[in-house]
Amino acid sequence: MPTYEYKNIETGEIYEIKQSMRDAPLTVHPDTGAAIKRVLSRPGIAFKGSGFYANDSRSKSGDKSGSGSSGE
């Protein structure tokens, strides 16, 4: 189950609440009843290094794009 961040509208306190992706965003804190809203945060994954892009996996030799000399 994913974890979402919610912010208390009055105090600015941040909460992490686990809920299903199918559930509607909460408007009140389940324990305290305080007014909250969902905030966006960075994803927990970052792609670093080589091998993540199409041009990283292509070999430099044997390029068959036709941009070199054609031997005509």
C-alpha atoms as a PDB file:
ATOM      1  CA  MET A   1       0.000   0.000   0.000  1.00  0.00           C
ATOM      2  CA  PRO A   2       1.489   3.393  -0.950  1.00  0.00           C
ATOM      3  CA  THR A   3       2.317   6.099   1.567  1.00  0.00           C
ATOM      4  CA  TYR A   4       1.001   9.616   0.920  1.00  0.00           C
ATOM      5  CA  GLU A   5       2.035  12.863   2.558  1.00  0.00           C
ATOM      6  CA  TYR A   6      -0.636  15.082   4.048  1.00  0.00           C
ATOM      7  CA  LYS A   7      -0.269  18.542   5.540  1.00  0.00           C
ATOM      8  CA  ASN A   8      -2.264  19.913   8.446  1.00  0.00           C
ATOM      9  CA  ILE A   9      -3.891  23.081   7.086  1.00  0.00           C
ATOM     10  CA  GLU A  10      -3.775  24.950  10.413  1.00  0.00           C
ATOM     11  CA  THR A  11      -0.380  23.973  11.842  1.00  0.00           C
ATOM     12  CA  GLY A  12       1.577  22.978   8.709  1.00  0.00           C
ATOM     13  CA  GLU A  13       2.580  19.630  10.245  1.00  0.00           C
ATOM     14  CA  ILE A  14       3.319  16.880   7.703  1.00  0.00           C
ATOM     15  CA  TYR A  15       1.862  13.372   8.102  1.00  0.00           C
ATOM     16  CA  GLU A  16       2.588  10.158   6.222  1.00  0.00           C
ATOM     17  CA  ILE A  17      -0.544   8.048   5.829  1.00  0.00           C
ATOM     18  CA  LYS A  18      -0.786   4.663   4.099  1.00  0.00           C
ATOM     19  CA  GLN A  19      -3.863   4.239   1.952  1.00  0.00           C
ATOM     20  CA  SER A  20      -4.934   2.459  -1.198  1.00  0.00           C
ATOM     21  CA  MET A  21      -4.473   4.141  -4.568  1.00  0.00           C
ATOM     22  CA  ARG A  22      -8.185   3.633  -5.161  1.00  0.00           C
ATOM     23  CA  ASP A  23      -9.191   5.629  -2.061  1.00  0.00           C
ATOM     24  CA  ALA A  24     -10.110   9.281  -2.395  1.00  0.00           C
ATOM     25  CA  PRO A  25      -7.702  11.784  -0.787  1.00  0.00           C
ATOM     26  CA  LEU A  26      -8.393  12.381   2.890  1.00  0.00           C
ATOM     27  CA  THR A  27      -9.710  15.750   4.091  1.00  0.00           C
ATOM     28  CA  VAL A  28      -9.500  15.067   7.836  1.00  0.00           C
ATOM     29  CA  HIS A  29      -6.857  13.212   9.844  1.00  0.00           C
ATOM     30  CA  PRO A  30      -8.203   9.768  10.815  1.00  0.00           C
ATOM     31  CA  ASP A  31      -7.003  10.030  14.446  1.00  0.00           C
ATOM     32  CA  THR A  32      -7.206  13.733  15.333  1.00  0.00           C
ATOM     33  CA  GLY A  33      -9.968  14.969  13.023  1.00  0.00           C
ATOM     34  CA  ALA A  34      -7.833  17.963  11.968  1.00  0.00           C
ATOM     35  CA  ALA A  35      -8.286  19.366   8.452  1.00  0.00           C
ATOM     36  CA  ILE A  36      -5.561  18.046   6.112  1.00  0.00           C
ATOM     37  CA  LYS A  37      -4.718  18.091   2.412  1.00  0.00           C
ATOM     38  CA  ARG A  38      -2.532  15.825   0.286  1.00  0.00           C
ATOM     39  CA  VAL A  39       0.773  17.317  -0.826  1.00  0.00           C
ATOM     40  CA  LEU A  40       2.929  16.242  -3.748  1.00  0.00           C
ATOM     41  CA  SER A  41       6.406  14.943  -3.051  1.00  0.00           C
ATOM     42  CA  ARG A  42       9.327  13.609  -5.043  1.00  0.00           C
ATOM     43  CA  PRO A  43       9.197   9.988  -6.085  1.00  0.00           C
ATOM     44  CA  GLY A  44      11.356   7.573  -4.132  1.00  0.00           C
ATOM     45  CA  ILE A  45      13.296   6.390  -7.180  1.00  0.00           C
ATOM     46  CA  ALA A  46      16.062   8.040  -9.171  1.00  0.00           C
ATOM     47  CA  PHE A  47      17.738   6.670 -12.292  1.00  0.00           C
ATOM     48  CA  LYS A  48      21.449   7.498 -12.226  1.00  0.00           C
ATOM     49  CA  GLY A  49      24.317   6.195 -14.300  1.00  0.00           C
ATOM     50  CA  SER A  50      24.449   4.611 -17.709  1.00  0.00           C
ATOM     51  CA  GLY A  51      22.036   2.078 -19.134  1.00  0.00           C
ATOM     52  CA  PHE A  52      18.748   3.872 -18.529  1.00  0.00           C
ATOM     53  CA  TYR A  53      18.359   5.565 -21.900  1.00  0.00           C
ATOM     54  CA  ALA A  54      18.021   4.123 -25.424  1.00  0.00           C
ATOM     55  CA  ASN A  55      21.239   5.783 -26.594  1.00  0.00           C
ATOM     56  CA  ASP A  56      23.209   4.187 -23.712  1.00  0.00           C
ATOM     57  CA  SER A  57      22.548   0.628 -24.872  1.00  0.00           C
ATOM     58  CA  ARG A  58      23.457   1.086 -28.538  1.00  0.00           C
ATOM     59  CA  SER A  59      26.916   0.080 -29.628  1.00  0.00           C
ATOM     60  CA  LYS A  60      29.211   2.651 -31.204  1.00  0.00           C
ATOM     61  CA  SER A  61      30.549   0.233 -33.843  1.00  0.00           C
ATOM     62  CA  GLY A  62      28.390  -1.371 -36.499  1.00  0.00           C
ATOM     63  CA  ASP A  63      26.065   1.627 -36.797  1.00  0.00           C
ATOM     64  CA  LYS A  64      23.662   0.823 -39.649  1.00  0.00           C
ATOM     65  CA  SER A  65      21.966   4.216 -39.823  1.00  0.00           C
ATOM     66  CA  GLY A  66      23.476   4.968 -43.267  1.00  0.00           C
ATOM     67  CA  SER A  67      25.132   8.189 -42.163  1.00  0.00           C
ATOM     68  CA  GLY A  68      28.641   6.952 -43.027  1.00  0.00           C
ATOM     69  CA  SER A  69      30.211   6.326 -46.429  1.00  0.00           C
ATOM     70  CA  SER A  70      28.151   3.981 -48.603  1.00  0.00           C
ATOM     71  CA  GLY A  71      30.988   2.532 -50.756  1.00  0.00           C
ATOM     72  CA  GLU A  72      29.333   3.419 -54.062  1.00  0.00           C
END
